[in-house]
Structures are given as C-alpha cells and as structure tokens.
Amino acid sequence: MARKASQRPTATDLRLLLTPAEAAQAPANSGAAQYVSEHGWKNLAKYLTLNYAELVKRRDQGPSNSRPLFLHTYALPTVRPAGSVVAPDGWLYPSFVACGIPQADRQDVSDLLFERSRQLLLGFDQGSGLEIHLSSSGYGKLGQVFGAMIDGVLAAYP
C-alpha cells in the first residue's frame, strides 16, 4: 500500500492486499481471502492476460509464428524478512508488514495469491501442469522435466 504520509492509500482496485481494517469492513471472505482485494486481483489478472496476449501477437509477427511459448510456475515462497543486499527484507515480507497483515496469516495469504497466479499461468497452458522452482537444484529439475516436455512439444513442429 504505497503512499506518503500526506497522501491517501492506494485504491483497493489497484493493489492486492487489504489492511485488517478494510478486511473487517467487508467480512464476506474469511481466512486468507479476507486480506485479498478481489478487484485488485481481477485487475492484475486482466493486465497479465493482456500482456501475454500481446506477447503472442508479437511472436506471431515473426518467424516463430504459432510456435509454443513456454512458461513455468514457481513453488510457494516463504514470507520472511530475507532478500538481497539491495533489499534485505526482500519484496514480499515488507508488503505484508506495510498492509498490517497479521503474522499468523501472512503465509496463507501468500500461498493463496501465488496459487491464483499459478492457476492463471496454467490457464494459458496446454496441459503440462509443471511447477518448477529455480533454486540451486531447480536448474537440474528444469533441464530434466521441463526440457523433456519442451522437446516433446517441439517435435510436433517442422
């Protein structure tokens, strides 16, 4: 919920997370879903879908016309203050803290949002259902599992 001290909060249709106070005002959802802005999620899903459609459009303007695009989903992240030198608390944890999501609910909220993202991407897919997380050992998994699937799909193209 990006804002300066003198500004109003970002509109809920432009963000994914609701504060506990906002969640309490619309108690139709419970559990992790109570902290998710449904309007914000729908807008993000629409934005991503339109961007992938543009990617397909551009692909089809070149020599890769009608060739498959390969995407993969990631394992669920852990909500904790871990990141890099430039962002020591990462990007996920500070967002949950800034919105006031109770610590006991943060992981469930993250899991819900990442599962929705996964389902959105898999909705573009033609049935692979793969989920690969690129950690140190993830690259090997990518080469073995995702690579074999890619080879099978590309075998259908001249």
C-alpha atoms as a PDB file:
ATOM      1  CA  MET A   1       0.000   0.000   0.000  1.00  0.00           C
ATOM      2  CA  ALA A   2       2.388   2.652  -1.284  1.00  0.00           C
ATOM      3  CA  ARG A   3       1.721   6.123  -0.019  1.00  0.00           C
ATOM      4  CA  LYS A   4       3.373   9.132   1.526  1.00  0.00           C
ATOM      5  CA  ALA A   5       2.280  10.318   4.944  1.00  0.00           C
ATOM      6  CA  SER A   6       0.172  13.145   3.466  1.00  0.00           C
ATOM      7  CA  GLN A   7      -1.467  11.025   0.742  1.00  0.00           C
ATOM      8  CA  ARG A   8      -4.476   8.728   0.738  1.00  0.00           C
ATOM      9  CA  PRO A   9      -3.876   4.974   0.454  1.00  0.00           C
ATOM     10  CA  THR A  10      -3.751   3.424  -2.997  1.00  0.00           C
ATOM     11  CA  ALA A  11      -7.229   2.410  -4.145  1.00  0.00           C
ATOM     12  CA  THR A  12      -8.068  -1.226  -3.390  1.00  0.00           C
ATOM     13  CA  ASP A  13      -8.655  -1.989  -7.071  1.00  0.00           C
ATOM     14  CA  LEU A  14      -5.019  -1.062  -7.718  1.00  0.00           C
ATOM     15  CA  ARG A  15      -3.463  -3.346  -5.086  1.00  0.00           C
ATOM     16  CA  LEU A  16      -3.678  -6.961  -4.000  1.00  0.00           C
ATOM     17  CA  LEU A  17      -3.655  -6.649  -0.231  1.00  0.00           C
ATOM     18  CA  LEU A  18      -6.281  -5.253   2.111  1.00  0.00           C
ATOM     19  CA  THR A  19      -5.469  -3.975   5.544  1.00  0.00           C
ATOM     20  CA  PRO A  20      -7.115  -5.699   8.524  1.00  0.00           C
ATOM     21  CA  ALA A  21      -9.409  -2.666   8.894  1.00  0.00           C
ATOM     22  CA  GLU A  22     -10.502  -2.931   5.242  1.00  0.00           C
ATOM     23  CA  ALA A  23     -10.968  -6.690   5.570  1.00  0.00           C
ATOM     24  CA  ALA A  24     -13.204  -6.150   8.619  1.00  0.00           C
ATOM     25  CA  GLN A  25     -15.456  -3.773   6.642  1.00  0.00           C
ATOM     26  CA  ALA A  26     -16.284  -6.466   4.068  1.00  0.00           C
ATOM     27  CA  PRO A  27     -16.415  -9.737   6.020  1.00  0.00           C
ATOM     28  CA  ALA A  28     -17.786 -11.818   3.110  1.00  0.00           C
ATOM     29  CA  ASN A  29     -14.468 -13.663   2.894  1.00  0.00           C
ATOM     30  CA  SER A  30     -12.686 -15.444   5.690  1.00  0.00           C
ATOM     31  CA  GLY A  31      -9.208 -16.808   6.265  1.00  0.00           C
ATOM     32  CA  ALA A  32      -6.518 -15.689   3.844  1.00  0.00           C
ATOM     33  CA  ALA A  33      -9.077 -14.441   1.306  1.00  0.00           C
ATOM     34  CA  GLN A  34     -10.215 -11.683   3.660  1.00  0.00           C
ATOM     35  CA  TYR A  35      -6.924  -9.847   3.069  1.00  0.00           C
ATOM     36  CA  VAL A  36      -7.074 -10.040  -0.744  1.00  0.00           C
ATOM     37  CA  SER A  37      -8.569  -7.243  -2.790  1.00  0.00           C
ATOM     38  CA  GLU A  38     -10.723  -9.127  -5.291  1.00  0.00           C
ATOM     39  CA  HIS A  39     -10.907  -6.056  -7.531  1.00  0.00           C
ATOM     40  CA  GLY A  40      -7.137  -5.718  -7.323  1.00  0.00           C
ATOM     41  CA  TRP A  41      -6.660  -9.400  -8.199  1.00  0.00           C
ATOM     42  CA  LYS A  42      -9.054  -9.177 -11.164  1.00  0.00           C
ATOM     43  CA  ASN A  43      -7.232  -6.118 -12.468  1.00  0.00           C
ATOM     44  CA  LEU A  44      -3.852  -7.823 -12.132  1.00  0.00           C
ATOM     45  CA  ALA A  45      -5.113 -10.985 -13.848  1.00  0.00           C
ATOM     46  CA  LYS A  46      -6.565  -8.892 -16.681  1.00  0.00           C
ATOM     47  CA  TYR A  47      -3.313  -6.931 -17.004  1.00  0.00           C
ATOM     48  CA  LEU A  48      -1.214 -10.109 -17.150  1.00  0.00           C
ATOM     49  CA  THR A  49      -3.587 -11.775 -19.609  1.00  0.00           C
ATOM     50  CA  LEU A  50      -3.481  -8.752 -21.930  1.00  0.00           C
ATOM     51  CA  ASN A  51       0.317  -8.652 -21.739  1.00  0.00           C
ATOM     52  CA  TYR A  52       0.645 -12.344 -22.583  1.00  0.00           C
ATOM     53  CA  ALA A  53      -1.796 -11.825 -25.465  1.00  0.00           C
ATOM     54  CA  GLU A  54       0.452  -9.011 -26.730  1.00  0.00           C
ATOM     55  CA  LEU A  55       3.458 -11.306 -26.428  1.00  0.00           C
ATOM     56  CA  VAL A  56       1.659 -13.928 -28.539  1.00  0.00           C
ATOM     57  CA  LYS A  57       0.689 -11.256 -31.077  1.00  0.00           C
ATOM     58  CA  ARG A  58       4.306 -10.143 -31.425  1.00  0.00           C
ATOM     59  CA  ARG A  59       5.510 -13.730 -31.641  1.00  0.00           C
ATOM     60  CA  ASP A  60       3.099 -14.340 -34.485  1.00  0.00           C
ATOM     61  CA  GLN A  61       4.512 -11.384 -36.441  1.00  0.00           C
ATOM     62  CA  GLY A  62       7.874 -13.087 -36.827  1.00  0.00           C
ATOM     63  CA  PRO A  63       9.480 -16.385 -37.755  1.00  0.00           C
ATOM     64  CA  SER A  64       8.152 -18.038 -34.577  1.00  0.00           C
ATOM     65  CA  ASN A  65       4.548 -17.605 -35.731  1.00  0.00           C
ATOM     66  CA  SER A  66       2.293 -20.139 -33.963  1.00  0.00           C
ATOM     67  CA  ARG A  67       5.212 -21.733 -32.130  1.00  0.00           C
ATOM     68  CA  PRO A  68       4.604 -22.530 -28.461  1.00  0.00           C
ATOM     69  CA  LEU A  69       5.641 -20.267 -25.608  1.00  0.00           C
ATOM     70  CA  PHE A  70       6.993 -21.976 -22.518  1.00  0.00           C
ATOM     71  CA  LEU A  71       6.201 -20.625 -19.069  1.00  0.00           C
ATOM     72  CA  HIS A  72       6.621 -22.237 -15.699  1.00  0.00           C
ATOM     73  CA  THR A  73       5.207 -21.579 -12.278  1.00  0.00           C
ATOM     74  CA  TYR A  74       7.146 -21.400  -9.052  1.00  0.00           C
ATOM     75  CA  ALA A  75       6.927 -23.115  -5.711  1.00  0.00           C
ATOM     76  CA  LEU A  76       5.287 -21.095  -2.964  1.00  0.00           C
ATOM     77  CA  PRO A  77       7.636 -18.566  -1.328  1.00  0.00           C
ATOM     78  CA  THR A  78       8.065 -18.267   2.423  1.00  0.00           C
ATOM     79  CA  VAL A  79       7.029 -14.914   3.854  1.00  0.00           C
ATOM     80  CA  ARG A  80      10.046 -13.869   5.883  1.00  0.00           C
ATOM     81  CA  PRO A  81      12.488 -10.972   6.003  1.00  0.00           C
ATOM     82  CA  ALA A  82      15.079 -12.418   3.637  1.00  0.00           C
ATOM     83  CA  GLY A  83      16.343 -10.809   0.489  1.00  0.00           C
ATOM     84  CA  SER A  84      19.487  -9.423  -1.051  1.00  0.00           C
ATOM     85  CA  VAL A  85      21.951  -6.647  -0.362  1.00  0.00           C
ATOM     86  CA  VAL A  86      19.754  -4.070  -2.093  1.00  0.00           C
ATOM     87  CA  ALA A  87      16.534  -5.336  -0.478  1.00  0.00           C
ATOM     88  CA  PRO A  88      17.493  -7.055   2.785  1.00  0.00           C
ATOM     89  CA  ASP A  89      13.879  -7.865   3.680  1.00  0.00           C
ATOM     90  CA  GLY A  90      13.034  -8.989   0.154  1.00  0.00           C
ATOM     91  CA  TRP A  91       9.901  -7.729  -1.575  1.00  0.00           C
ATOM     92  CA  LEU A  92       7.118  -9.909  -0.191  1.00  0.00           C
ATOM     93  CA  TYR A  93       7.609  -9.528   3.561  1.00  0.00           C
ATOM     94  CA  PRO A  94       7.696  -5.689   3.608  1.00  0.00           C
ATOM     95  CA  SER A  95       4.443  -5.537   1.631  1.00  0.00           C
ATOM     96  CA  PHE A  96       2.658  -7.736   4.139  1.00  0.00           C
ATOM     97  CA  VAL A  97       4.038  -5.704   7.035  1.00  0.00           C
ATOM     98  CA  ALA A  98       3.082  -2.393   5.375  1.00  0.00           C
ATOM     99  CA  CYS A  99      -0.512  -3.560   4.931  1.00  0.00           C
ATOM    100  CA  GLY A 100      -0.663  -4.809   8.513  1.00  0.00           C
ATOM    101  CA  ILE A 101      -1.393  -8.419   7.602  1.00  0.00           C
ATOM    102  CA  PRO A 102      -1.138 -10.319  10.900  1.00  0.00           C
ATOM    103  CA  GLN A 103       1.946 -12.515  11.086  1.00  0.00           C
ATOM    104  CA  ALA A 104      -0.178 -15.616  11.649  1.00  0.00           C
ATOM    105  CA  ASP A 105      -1.992 -15.010   8.331  1.00  0.00           C
ATOM    106  CA  ARG A 106       0.896 -13.914   6.088  1.00  0.00           C
ATOM    107  CA  GLN A 107       1.899 -17.321   4.783  1.00  0.00           C
ATOM    108  CA  ASP A 108      -1.688 -18.322   3.985  1.00  0.00           C
ATOM    109  CA  VAL A 109      -2.278 -15.033   2.144  1.00  0.00           C
ATOM    110  CA  SER A 110       0.929 -15.504   0.149  1.00  0.00           C
ATOM    111  CA  ASP A 111       0.019 -19.108  -0.663  1.00  0.00           C
ATOM    112  CA  LEU A 112      -3.416 -18.006  -1.888  1.00  0.00           C
ATOM    113  CA  LEU A 113      -2.030 -15.275  -4.153  1.00  0.00           C
ATOM    114  CA  PHE A 114       0.712 -17.468  -5.597  1.00  0.00           C
ATOM    115  CA  GLU A 115      -1.730 -20.304  -6.219  1.00  0.00           C
ATOM    116  CA  ARG A 116      -4.017 -17.885  -8.055  1.00  0.00           C
ATOM    117  CA  SER A 117      -1.028 -16.726 -10.114  1.00  0.00           C
ATOM    118  CA  ARG A 118      -0.105 -20.335 -10.819  1.00  0.00           C
ATOM    119  CA  GLN A 119      -3.634 -21.148 -11.954  1.00  0.00           C
ATOM    120  CA  LEU A 120      -3.675 -18.074 -14.196  1.00  0.00           C
ATOM    121  CA  LEU A 121      -0.452 -19.151 -15.939  1.00  0.00           C
ATOM    122  CA  LEU A 122      -1.563 -22.763 -16.187  1.00  0.00           C
ATOM    123  CA  GLY A 123      -4.774 -21.481 -17.754  1.00  0.00           C
ATOM    124  CA  PHE A 124      -2.645 -20.312 -20.681  1.00  0.00           C
ATOM    125  CA  ASP A 125      -1.010 -23.742 -20.827  1.00  0.00           C
ATOM    126  CA  GLN A 126      -1.876 -26.752 -22.885  1.00  0.00           C
ATOM    127  CA  GLY A 127      -1.772 -29.243 -20.069  1.00  0.00           C
ATOM    128  CA  SER A 128       1.772 -29.617 -18.772  1.00  0.00           C
ATOM    129  CA  GLY A 129       0.879 -28.729 -15.177  1.00  0.00           C
ATOM    130  CA  LEU A 130       4.571 -28.312 -14.324  1.00  0.00           C
ATOM    131  CA  GLU A 131       5.669 -26.364 -11.299  1.00  0.00           C
ATOM    132  CA  ILE A 132       9.370 -25.688 -11.025  1.00  0.00           C
ATOM    133  CA  HIS A 133      11.220 -23.505  -8.530  1.00  0.00           C
ATOM    134  CA  LEU A 134      14.642 -22.359  -9.695  1.00  0.00           C
ATOM    135  CA  SER A 135      16.852 -22.784  -6.678  1.00  0.00           C
ATOM    136  CA  SER A 136      20.359 -24.192  -6.942  1.00  0.00           C
ATOM    137  CA  SER A 137      18.952 -27.656  -7.534  1.00  0.00           C
ATOM    138  CA  GLY A 138      15.998 -26.292  -9.501  1.00  0.00           C
ATOM    139  CA  TYR A 139      18.068 -25.767 -12.624  1.00  0.00           C
ATOM    140  CA  GLY A 140      18.668 -29.511 -12.835  1.00  0.00           C
ATOM    141  CA  LYS A 141      14.961 -30.151 -12.410  1.00  0.00           C
ATOM    142  CA  LEU A 142      14.236 -27.617 -15.130  1.00  0.00           C
ATOM    143  CA  GLY A 143      16.600 -29.324 -17.547  1.00  0.00           C
ATOM    144  CA  GLN A 144      15.207 -32.791 -16.876  1.00  0.00           C
ATOM    145  CA  VAL A 145      11.482 -32.228 -16.531  1.00  0.00           C
ATOM    146  CA  PHE A 146      10.687 -29.009 -18.358  1.00  0.00           C
ATOM    147  CA  GLY A 147      13.287 -29.731 -21.046  1.00  0.00           C
ATOM    148  CA  ALA A 148      11.774 -33.120 -21.838  1.00  0.00           C
ATOM    149  CA  MET A 149       8.318 -31.559 -22.081  1.00  0.00           C
ATOM    150  CA  ILE A 150       9.646 -28.828 -24.396  1.00  0.00           C
ATOM    151  CA  ASP A 151      11.329 -31.441 -26.618  1.00  0.00           C
ATOM    152  CA  GLY A 152       8.037 -33.331 -26.889  1.00  0.00           C
ATOM    153  CA  VAL A 153       6.082 -30.234 -27.859  1.00  0.00           C
ATOM    154  CA  LEU A 154       8.662 -29.005 -30.367  1.00  0.00           C
ATOM    155  CA  ALA A 155       8.804 -32.437 -32.010  1.00  0.00           C
ATOM    156  CA  ALA A 156       5.381 -31.648 -33.494  1.00  0.00           C
ATOM    157  CA  TYR A 157       6.802 -28.689 -35.444  1.00  0.00           C
ATOM    158  CA  PRO A 158       8.805 -28.868 -38.693  1.00  0.00           C
END
